Amino acid sequence: MVDIEIGRGKKARQAFGFDDVAIVPGRRTRDPEDVDLTWRLGDINLELPLLASAMDGVVSPRTAIQLGKMGGLAVLNLEGLFSRYEDAEERCSEIAALPKDEATERMQELYAAPIDPELMVARIREIKASGVTVAASLTPQRVEQYAGAVLDAGLDVLVIQGTVVSAEHVSNHGRALDLKAFIPTIDVPVIVGGCASYQSALHLMRTGAAAVLVGVGPGAACTTRGVLGVGVPQATAISDVAGARSQHLLETGERVAVIADGGMRTGGDISKAVACGADAVMIGSPLARAVDAPGKGYHWGMATFHPSLPRGARVKVQQVGTLEEIVLGPAHENDGTTNLMGALRTSMATCGYQSIQEFQKAEIVLAPSIQTEGKQLQREQHIGMG
């Protein structure tokens, strides 16, 4: 890609988001019923390429069980309300009821309560007892402290997650987590992220991670791009990380899964993420719109309650249906925000691809007019995709 000169002393690549691209239909079509949405995470086969973000307004033990029974994978935030309070769902309701100008400060107070390791273990066991795959997240700063206990409790997938996670963290203040030394000691698949570039993803893959999360700042509730000025639009970020996956496969013979994390609102966005190279997607705000989500019509990110530099916002989301309707349908609206997996299945069938890995080979075009071409009436009437 040709660099663009933005000044005499700096050049930059142009990067693209989901609204900038479109998928080109292939030479054949398929029946949606023949499409296979399964994917592999380490030794675990999953029916749907869908993960629920580790955010308290999205994933509780209750919704983790619901999504797991549908074939998806919900990630519980082990440093959130559900590991700090027995009545965590009531705390979520309190957050939802807060006035806008009081929300962040009150959330900082709520999240300042200490983590209860026994409660953390109890949540893992509660989900495990239902028979679904159990996934949960810890930050790099706390993963060594708590990983042993949650693994003993039956955790199936460990997510090491932060705004940006690198394979080489440099610190003059205490010992930093060495992912390359730590991950091989874990007996379950480990997902690490986020990252947003070829080089950072390749280094994360070399740590032995089963999957990497792609996304720095694209989430609906995240303000990292504004507060820190850091991030890469998702279509480019996913494509770069997919390139790193190919290089790592060439070097080692091992295929690391790429999980697009954030920035997807509709089935079309999810389809574009997969066509750009994602094996699965992690979403938060689309699932927070479920009437049975713990956020009660609100959604907030993992850094919203940072004690000194919040990088997120509590955002209101329109509740549009049950969790099952949002994930599997049926859809009763025409805006692409419900029956997300049905939309992905139909997109793959329309373009002629049977599997996730085949769909990653789909042709992509730059299409700045894709959201507006022929949609004047929809825009004027605020309906459909307008």
Protein backbone atom coordinates (compact mmCIF):
# COMPACT_ATOMS: atom_id res chain seq x y z
CA MET A 1 0.00 0.00 0.00
CA VAL A 2 1.31 3.42 -0.92
CA ASP A 3 2.07 5.70 2.00
CA ILE A 4 0.45 9.11 2.00
CA GLU A 5 2.53 12.10 3.00
CA ILE A 6 0.72 14.00 5.73
CA GLY A 7 3.62 16.44 6.16
CA ARG A 8 7.30 16.67 5.28
CA GLY A 9 8.28 14.63 8.31
CA LYS A 10 5.58 11.96 8.40
CA LYS A 11 3.92 9.47 6.08
CA ALA A 12 0.93 7.30 6.88
CA ARG A 13 -0.97 4.34 5.49
CA GLN A 14 -4.64 4.84 4.75
CA ALA A 15 -6.84 2.57 6.87
CA PHE A 16 -10.44 1.48 6.41
CA GLY A 17 -13.41 0.65 8.60
CA PHE A 18 -16.43 -1.54 7.92
CA ASP A 19 -18.42 1.32 6.35
CA ASP A 20 -15.63 1.80 3.77
CA VAL A 21 -15.77 -1.71 2.29
CA ALA A 22 -18.21 -4.23 0.81
CA ILE A 23 -18.14 -7.93 0.00
CA VAL A 24 -18.32 -8.95 -3.67
CA PRO A 25 -20.67 -11.87 -4.47
CA GLY A 26 -18.91 -14.86 -6.02
CA ARG A 27 -19.69 -16.93 -9.09
CA ARG A 28 -22.00 -19.31 -7.22
CA THR A 29 -24.61 -19.17 -4.47
CA ARG A 30 -25.56 -21.71 -1.82
CA ASP A 31 -28.50 -22.64 0.36
CA PRO A 32 -28.07 -20.98 3.78
CA GLU A 33 -28.86 -24.34 5.40
CA ASP A 34 -25.66 -25.74 3.85
CA VAL A 35 -23.43 -23.10 5.42
CA ASP A 36 -21.18 -24.25 8.28
CA LEU A 37 -20.54 -21.59 10.95
CA THR A 38 -18.40 -23.76 13.25
CA TRP A 39 -14.89 -22.71 14.19
CA ARG A 40 -12.11 -24.01 16.38
CA LEU A 41 -10.50 -22.48 19.46
CA GLY A 42 -7.57 -24.66 20.47
CA ASP A 43 -9.10 -28.11 20.98
CA ILE A 44 -12.62 -26.72 21.42
CA ASN A 45 -15.15 -26.77 18.57
CA LEU A 46 -17.77 -24.02 18.76
CA GLU A 47 -21.03 -23.88 16.80
CA LEU A 48 -21.24 -20.10 16.36
CA PRO A 49 -18.37 -17.68 15.62
CA LEU A 50 -19.70 -15.33 18.28
CA LEU A 51 -18.26 -14.27 21.61
CA ALA A 52 -19.98 -11.92 24.06
CA SER A 53 -17.65 -9.22 25.36
CA ALA A 54 -16.42 -9.41 28.94
CA MET A 55 -18.53 -6.46 30.07
CA ASP A 56 -20.86 -6.44 33.05
CA GLY A 57 -23.76 -4.93 31.12
CA VAL A 58 -23.56 -7.86 28.66
CA VAL A 59 -22.39 -11.02 30.42
CA SER A 60 -23.64 -12.41 33.71
CA PRO A 61 -23.52 -16.10 34.66
CA ARG A 62 -27.16 -16.24 33.53
CA THR A 63 -26.55 -14.81 30.05
CA ALA A 64 -23.31 -16.80 29.71
CA ILE A 65 -25.36 -19.96 30.12
CA GLN A 66 -28.00 -18.72 27.67
CA LEU A 67 -25.48 -17.90 24.95
CA GLY A 68 -23.51 -21.08 25.56
CA LYS A 69 -26.61 -23.19 24.98
CA MET A 70 -27.12 -21.38 21.66
CA GLY A 71 -23.61 -22.37 20.55
CA GLY A 72 -21.81 -19.11 21.26
CA LEU A 73 -19.25 -18.25 23.92
CA ALA A 74 -19.79 -15.58 26.58
CA VAL A 75 -16.75 -14.15 28.38
CA LEU A 76 -17.32 -13.24 32.03
CA ASN A 77 -15.35 -10.29 33.40
CA LEU A 78 -13.62 -11.74 36.47
CA GLU A 79 -12.65 -8.27 37.67
CA GLY A 80 -16.12 -6.83 37.37
CA LEU A 81 -19.24 -6.56 39.48
CA PHE A 82 -19.95 -10.29 39.43
CA SER A 83 -16.70 -10.97 41.30
CA ARG A 84 -17.23 -8.10 43.74
CA TYR A 85 -20.91 -8.33 44.76
CA GLU A 86 -23.31 -11.19 45.47
CA ASP A 87 -26.13 -8.97 44.20
CA ALA A 88 -24.28 -7.90 41.04
CA GLU A 89 -27.41 -7.75 38.88
CA GLU A 90 -28.89 -5.24 41.34
CA ARG A 91 -25.72 -3.16 41.01
CA CYS A 92 -26.19 -3.22 37.24
CA SER A 93 -29.72 -1.93 37.76
CA GLU A 94 -28.33 0.86 39.95
CA ILE A 95 -25.88 1.88 37.22
CA ALA A 96 -28.69 1.90 34.66
CA ALA A 97 -30.74 4.26 36.86
CA LEU A 98 -27.98 6.82 37.43
CA PRO A 99 -28.25 10.34 35.98
CA LYS A 100 -25.81 10.92 33.12
CA ASP A 101 -23.64 13.37 35.07
CA GLU A 102 -23.24 10.98 38.01
CA ALA A 103 -22.69 7.69 36.18
CA THR A 104 -18.91 7.56 35.79
CA GLU A 105 -18.08 8.71 39.33
CA ARG A 106 -20.53 6.27 40.91
CA MET A 107 -19.20 3.43 38.76
CA GLN A 108 -15.67 4.23 39.94
CA GLU A 109 -16.94 3.84 43.51
CA LEU A 110 -18.71 0.55 42.79
CA TYR A 111 -15.71 -0.95 41.04
CA ALA A 112 -13.39 0.12 43.86
CA ALA A 113 -14.85 -2.67 46.03
CA PRO A 114 -12.37 -5.54 46.44
CA ILE A 115 -12.50 -8.63 44.25
CA ASP A 116 -13.72 -11.68 46.17
CA PRO A 117 -11.80 -14.79 44.97
CA GLU A 118 -14.44 -17.12 46.44
CA LEU A 119 -17.18 -15.31 44.54
CA MET A 120 -15.09 -15.46 41.39
CA VAL A 121 -14.77 -19.24 41.75
CA ALA A 122 -18.49 -19.59 42.51
CA ARG A 123 -19.41 -17.79 39.26
CA ILE A 124 -17.19 -20.13 37.22
CA ARG A 125 -18.73 -23.18 38.87
CA GLU A 126 -22.25 -21.85 38.32
CA ILE A 127 -21.68 -21.58 34.56
CA LYS A 128 -19.79 -24.89 34.44
CA ALA A 129 -22.65 -26.73 36.13
CA SER A 130 -24.94 -25.86 33.21
CA GLY A 131 -22.79 -27.90 30.82
CA VAL A 132 -21.62 -25.04 28.57
CA THR A 133 -18.06 -23.95 27.76
CA VAL A 134 -16.85 -21.46 30.38
CA ALA A 135 -14.76 -18.46 29.31
CA ALA A 136 -13.65 -15.56 31.50
CA SER A 137 -11.23 -12.65 31.32
CA LEU A 138 -8.50 -11.25 33.50
CA THR A 139 -6.20 -8.30 32.88
CA PRO A 140 -2.46 -8.89 32.49
CA GLN A 141 -1.91 -7.22 35.86
CA ARG A 142 -4.01 -9.79 37.75
CA VAL A 143 -3.91 -12.96 35.69
CA GLU A 144 -1.08 -14.63 37.62
CA GLN A 145 -2.82 -13.86 40.92
CA TYR A 146 -6.16 -15.46 40.04
CA ALA A 147 -5.60 -17.88 37.13
CA GLY A 148 -4.88 -20.89 39.32
CA ALA A 149 -8.10 -20.60 41.30
CA VAL A 150 -10.39 -20.14 38.31
CA LEU A 151 -8.72 -22.93 36.36
CA ASP A 152 -9.23 -25.27 39.32
CA ALA A 153 -12.90 -24.17 39.35
CA GLY A 154 -13.36 -25.49 35.81
CA LEU A 155 -12.55 -22.61 33.47
CA ASP A 156 -12.38 -23.82 29.84
CA VAL A 157 -11.05 -20.69 28.10
CA LEU A 158 -8.87 -17.95 29.63
CA VAL A 159 -8.96 -14.47 28.09
CA ILE A 160 -6.09 -12.12 28.94
CA GLN A 161 -7.51 -8.78 27.91
CA GLY A 162 -6.69 -5.10 28.07
CA THR A 163 -7.05 -2.01 25.89
CA VAL A 164 -3.74 -3.02 24.29
CA VAL A 165 -1.87 -6.18 25.24
CA SER A 166 1.65 -6.72 23.94
CA ALA A 167 3.99 -9.69 24.00
CA GLU A 168 6.73 -7.41 25.31
CA HIS A 169 5.64 -5.12 28.14
CA VAL A 170 8.49 -2.97 29.45
CA SER A 171 8.26 -1.68 33.02
CA ASN A 172 10.58 -0.12 35.56
CA HIS A 173 7.94 -0.62 38.26
CA GLY A 174 7.72 -4.23 39.35
CA ARG A 175 7.75 -7.46 37.35
CA ALA A 176 5.74 -7.47 34.11
CA LEU A 177 3.76 -10.48 32.90
CA ASP A 178 5.80 -12.57 30.45
CA LEU A 179 3.14 -14.03 28.16
CA LYS A 180 5.59 -16.32 26.37
CA ALA A 181 6.57 -17.93 29.68
CA PHE A 182 3.08 -17.86 31.23
CA ILE A 183 0.81 -19.18 28.46
CA PRO A 184 2.56 -22.57 28.06
CA THR A 185 1.83 -23.26 31.74
CA ILE A 186 -1.92 -23.02 31.11
CA ASP A 187 -3.78 -26.21 30.13
CA VAL A 188 -6.73 -24.46 28.43
CA PRO A 189 -6.85 -22.27 25.29
CA VAL A 190 -5.74 -18.69 25.96
CA ILE A 191 -7.07 -15.69 24.06
CA VAL A 192 -5.01 -12.49 24.23
CA GLY A 193 -5.65 -8.94 23.07
CA GLY A 194 -6.36 -6.37 21.98
CA CYS A 195 -4.03 -5.59 19.17
CA ALA A 196 -4.42 -3.74 15.88
CA SER A 197 -1.32 -4.34 13.76
CA TYR A 198 0.54 -7.07 11.90
CA GLN A 199 3.67 -6.95 14.04
CA SER A 200 1.96 -6.82 17.43
CA ALA A 201 -0.36 -9.69 16.46
CA LEU A 202 2.53 -11.83 15.19
CA HIS A 203 4.37 -11.39 18.49
CA LEU A 204 1.22 -12.31 20.43
CA MET A 205 0.77 -15.42 18.30
CA ARG A 206 4.33 -16.47 19.08
CA THR A 207 3.50 -16.56 22.80
CA GLY A 208 1.42 -19.71 22.25
CA ALA A 209 -2.00 -18.03 22.36
CA ALA A 210 -4.85 -19.94 20.77
CA ALA A 211 -6.45 -16.71 19.52
CA VAL A 212 -5.85 -12.97 19.41
CA LEU A 213 -8.40 -10.20 19.82
CA VAL A 214 -8.32 -7.47 17.16
CA GLY A 215 -9.62 -4.05 18.09
CA VAL A 216 -8.34 -0.95 19.84
CA GLY A 217 -11.10 1.56 20.53
CA PRO A 218 -13.88 0.61 18.07
CA GLY A 219 -16.50 -0.35 20.66
CA ALA A 220 -19.70 1.65 21.10
CA ALA A 221 -18.88 2.53 24.71
CA CYS A 222 -15.11 2.93 24.29
CA THR A 223 -13.49 6.39 24.23
CA THR A 224 -9.87 5.22 23.91
CA ARG A 225 -9.50 6.72 20.45
CA GLY A 226 -10.58 10.11 21.74
CA VAL A 227 -8.79 10.03 25.10
CA LEU A 228 -5.51 8.48 23.92
CA GLY A 229 -5.62 9.03 20.15
CA VAL A 230 -4.82 5.35 19.63
CA GLY A 231 -6.53 2.89 17.27
CA VAL A 232 -6.83 1.44 13.76
CA PRO A 233 -10.11 1.10 11.82
CA GLN A 234 -11.31 -2.49 11.99
CA ALA A 235 -11.32 -3.60 8.34
CA THR A 236 -7.63 -2.74 8.05
CA ALA A 237 -6.73 -4.04 11.52
CA ILE A 238 -8.38 -7.42 10.91
CA SER A 239 -6.78 -7.76 7.49
CA ASP A 240 -3.33 -6.97 8.91
CA VAL A 241 -3.74 -9.49 11.73
CA ALA A 242 -5.00 -12.12 9.27
CA GLY A 243 -1.74 -11.56 7.41
CA ALA A 244 0.15 -12.22 10.63
CA ARG A 245 -1.85 -15.43 11.09
CA SER A 246 -0.71 -16.62 7.65
CA GLN A 247 2.92 -15.83 8.47
CA HIS A 248 2.69 -17.63 11.83
CA LEU A 249 1.09 -20.65 10.15
CA LEU A 250 3.95 -20.69 7.64
CA GLU A 251 6.52 -20.53 10.44
CA THR A 252 4.98 -23.06 12.83
CA GLY A 253 2.22 -25.04 11.12
CA GLU A 254 -0.18 -23.82 13.85
CA ARG A 255 -3.24 -21.74 13.03
CA VAL A 256 -4.10 -19.09 15.57
CA ALA A 257 -7.70 -17.85 15.54
CA VAL A 258 -8.35 -14.18 14.80
CA ILE A 259 -11.26 -12.65 16.75
CA ALA A 260 -12.58 -9.25 15.67
CA ASP A 261 -13.35 -7.36 18.88
CA GLY A 262 -15.70 -4.38 18.62
CA GLY A 263 -17.03 -1.98 16.02
CA MET A 264 -19.74 -4.31 14.72
CA ARG A 265 -23.38 -3.24 14.97
CA THR A 266 -25.13 -5.30 12.29
CA GLY A 267 -25.00 -8.66 10.57
CA GLY A 268 -23.36 -6.91 7.64
CA ASP A 269 -20.53 -5.66 9.86
CA ILE A 270 -19.99 -9.18 11.21
CA SER A 271 -19.94 -10.58 7.67
CA LYS A 272 -17.35 -8.00 6.61
CA ALA A 273 -15.21 -8.84 9.65
CA VAL A 274 -15.12 -12.50 8.64
CA ALA A 275 -14.48 -11.66 4.98
CA CYS A 276 -11.53 -9.51 6.10
CA GLY A 277 -10.07 -12.53 7.90
CA ALA A 278 -11.74 -13.01 11.29
CA ASP A 279 -12.54 -16.53 12.50
CA ALA A 280 -15.05 -15.18 15.00
CA VAL A 281 -16.33 -11.89 16.38
CA MET A 282 -16.61 -10.50 19.90
CA ILE A 283 -19.48 -8.05 20.38
CA GLY A 284 -20.87 -6.09 23.30
CA SER A 285 -23.40 -3.36 22.53
CA PRO A 286 -25.48 -5.47 20.08
CA LEU A 287 -26.03 -8.02 22.86
CA ALA A 288 -26.56 -5.33 25.50
CA ARG A 289 -29.73 -4.50 23.54
CA ALA A 290 -31.32 -7.74 24.72
CA VAL A 291 -34.16 -7.34 27.19
CA ASP A 292 -32.54 -10.07 29.31
CA ALA A 293 -29.06 -8.47 29.36
CA PRO A 294 -27.82 -7.44 32.84
CA GLY A 295 -27.26 -3.80 31.75
CA LYS A 296 -31.02 -3.11 31.66
CA GLY A 297 -30.76 -1.03 28.48
CA TYR A 298 -27.27 0.36 29.16
CA HIS A 299 -23.78 -0.65 28.08
CA TRP A 300 -20.38 0.31 29.45
CA GLY A 301 -16.82 -0.67 28.60
CA MET A 302 -14.09 -2.29 30.67
CA ALA A 303 -12.24 1.02 31.18
CA THR A 304 -15.29 3.19 31.88
CA PHE A 305 -14.64 2.97 35.60
CA HIS A 306 -10.83 3.44 35.56
CA PRO A 307 -10.03 5.21 38.86
CA SER A 308 -7.98 8.03 37.31
CA LEU A 309 -8.43 8.03 33.51
CA PRO A 310 -11.78 6.59 32.36
CA ARG A 311 -11.72 5.52 28.71
CA GLY A 312 -15.31 4.56 28.23
CA ALA A 313 -18.84 5.81 28.64
CA ARG A 314 -22.12 4.42 29.88
CA VAL A 315 -24.27 4.49 26.75
CA LYS A 316 -27.99 3.86 26.43
CA VAL A 317 -29.00 1.14 23.98
CA GLN A 318 -32.43 0.42 22.59
CA GLN A 319 -33.75 -2.89 23.86
CA VAL A 320 -34.97 -4.69 20.75
CA GLY A 321 -35.64 -8.31 21.70
CA THR A 322 -34.44 -11.33 23.61
CA LEU A 323 -30.85 -12.52 23.48
CA GLU A 324 -31.96 -15.44 21.32
CA GLU A 325 -33.72 -13.12 18.85
CA ILE A 326 -30.62 -10.94 18.53
CA VAL A 327 -28.32 -13.92 17.97
CA LEU A 328 -30.49 -16.47 16.14
CA GLY A 329 -33.70 -14.64 15.27
CA PRO A 330 -36.31 -14.37 14.11
CA ALA A 331 -35.74 -10.73 13.22
CA HIS A 332 -38.69 -8.37 13.41
CA GLU A 333 -36.76 -5.30 12.23
CA ASN A 334 -35.07 -4.62 8.90
CA ASP A 335 -31.98 -2.80 10.18
CA GLY A 336 -29.66 -5.80 10.48
CA THR A 337 -29.34 -5.67 14.29
CA THR A 338 -31.21 -8.89 15.07
CA ASN A 339 -30.67 -12.49 13.90
CA LEU A 340 -26.97 -11.68 13.55
CA MET A 341 -25.91 -15.26 12.88
CA GLY A 342 -28.70 -15.71 10.35
CA ALA A 343 -27.38 -12.64 8.52
CA LEU A 344 -23.84 -14.07 8.49
CA ARG A 345 -25.13 -17.41 7.23
CA THR A 346 -27.13 -15.71 4.45
CA SER A 347 -24.22 -13.46 3.48
CA MET A 348 -21.94 -16.49 3.13
CA ALA A 349 -24.58 -18.34 1.12
CA THR A 350 -25.21 -15.34 -1.14
CA CYS A 351 -21.50 -15.15 -1.92
CA GLY A 352 -21.19 -18.92 -2.41
CA TYR A 353 -19.03 -19.86 0.57
CA GLN A 354 -19.67 -22.88 2.79
CA SER A 355 -17.27 -22.36 5.70
CA ILE A 356 -15.74 -19.51 7.70
CA GLN A 357 -12.28 -20.15 6.27
CA GLU A 358 -13.63 -20.16 2.71
CA PHE A 359 -15.45 -16.87 3.32
CA GLN A 360 -12.16 -15.29 4.38
CA LYS A 361 -11.13 -15.55 0.72
CA ALA A 362 -14.03 -13.41 -0.48
CA GLU A 363 -13.24 -10.39 -2.63
CA ILE A 364 -13.51 -7.03 -0.85
CA VAL A 365 -13.94 -3.67 -2.58
CA LEU A 366 -13.58 -0.11 -1.34
CA ALA A 367 -17.14 1.17 -1.33
CA PRO A 368 -17.61 4.59 0.30
CA SER A 369 -21.10 4.83 -1.19
CA ILE A 370 -22.27 1.41 0.06
CA GLN A 371 -24.32 2.92 2.91
CA THR A 372 -25.90 5.71 0.84
CA GLU A 373 -26.33 4.55 -2.76
CA GLY A 374 -30.06 4.40 -3.55
CA LYS A 375 -31.01 4.86 0.11
CA GLN A 376 -32.36 8.42 0.04
CA LEU A 377 -35.91 7.45 1.06
CA GLN A 378 -34.64 5.26 3.90
CA ARG A 379 -32.47 8.10 5.19
CA GLU A 380 -35.28 10.64 4.98
CA GLN A 381 -37.71 8.33 6.76
CA HIS A 382 -35.16 6.94 9.27
CA ILE A 383 -35.95 3.33 8.45
CA GLY A 384 -33.99 0.24 7.39
CA MET A 385 -30.27 0.84 6.91
CA GLY A 386 -30.79 4.53 6.20
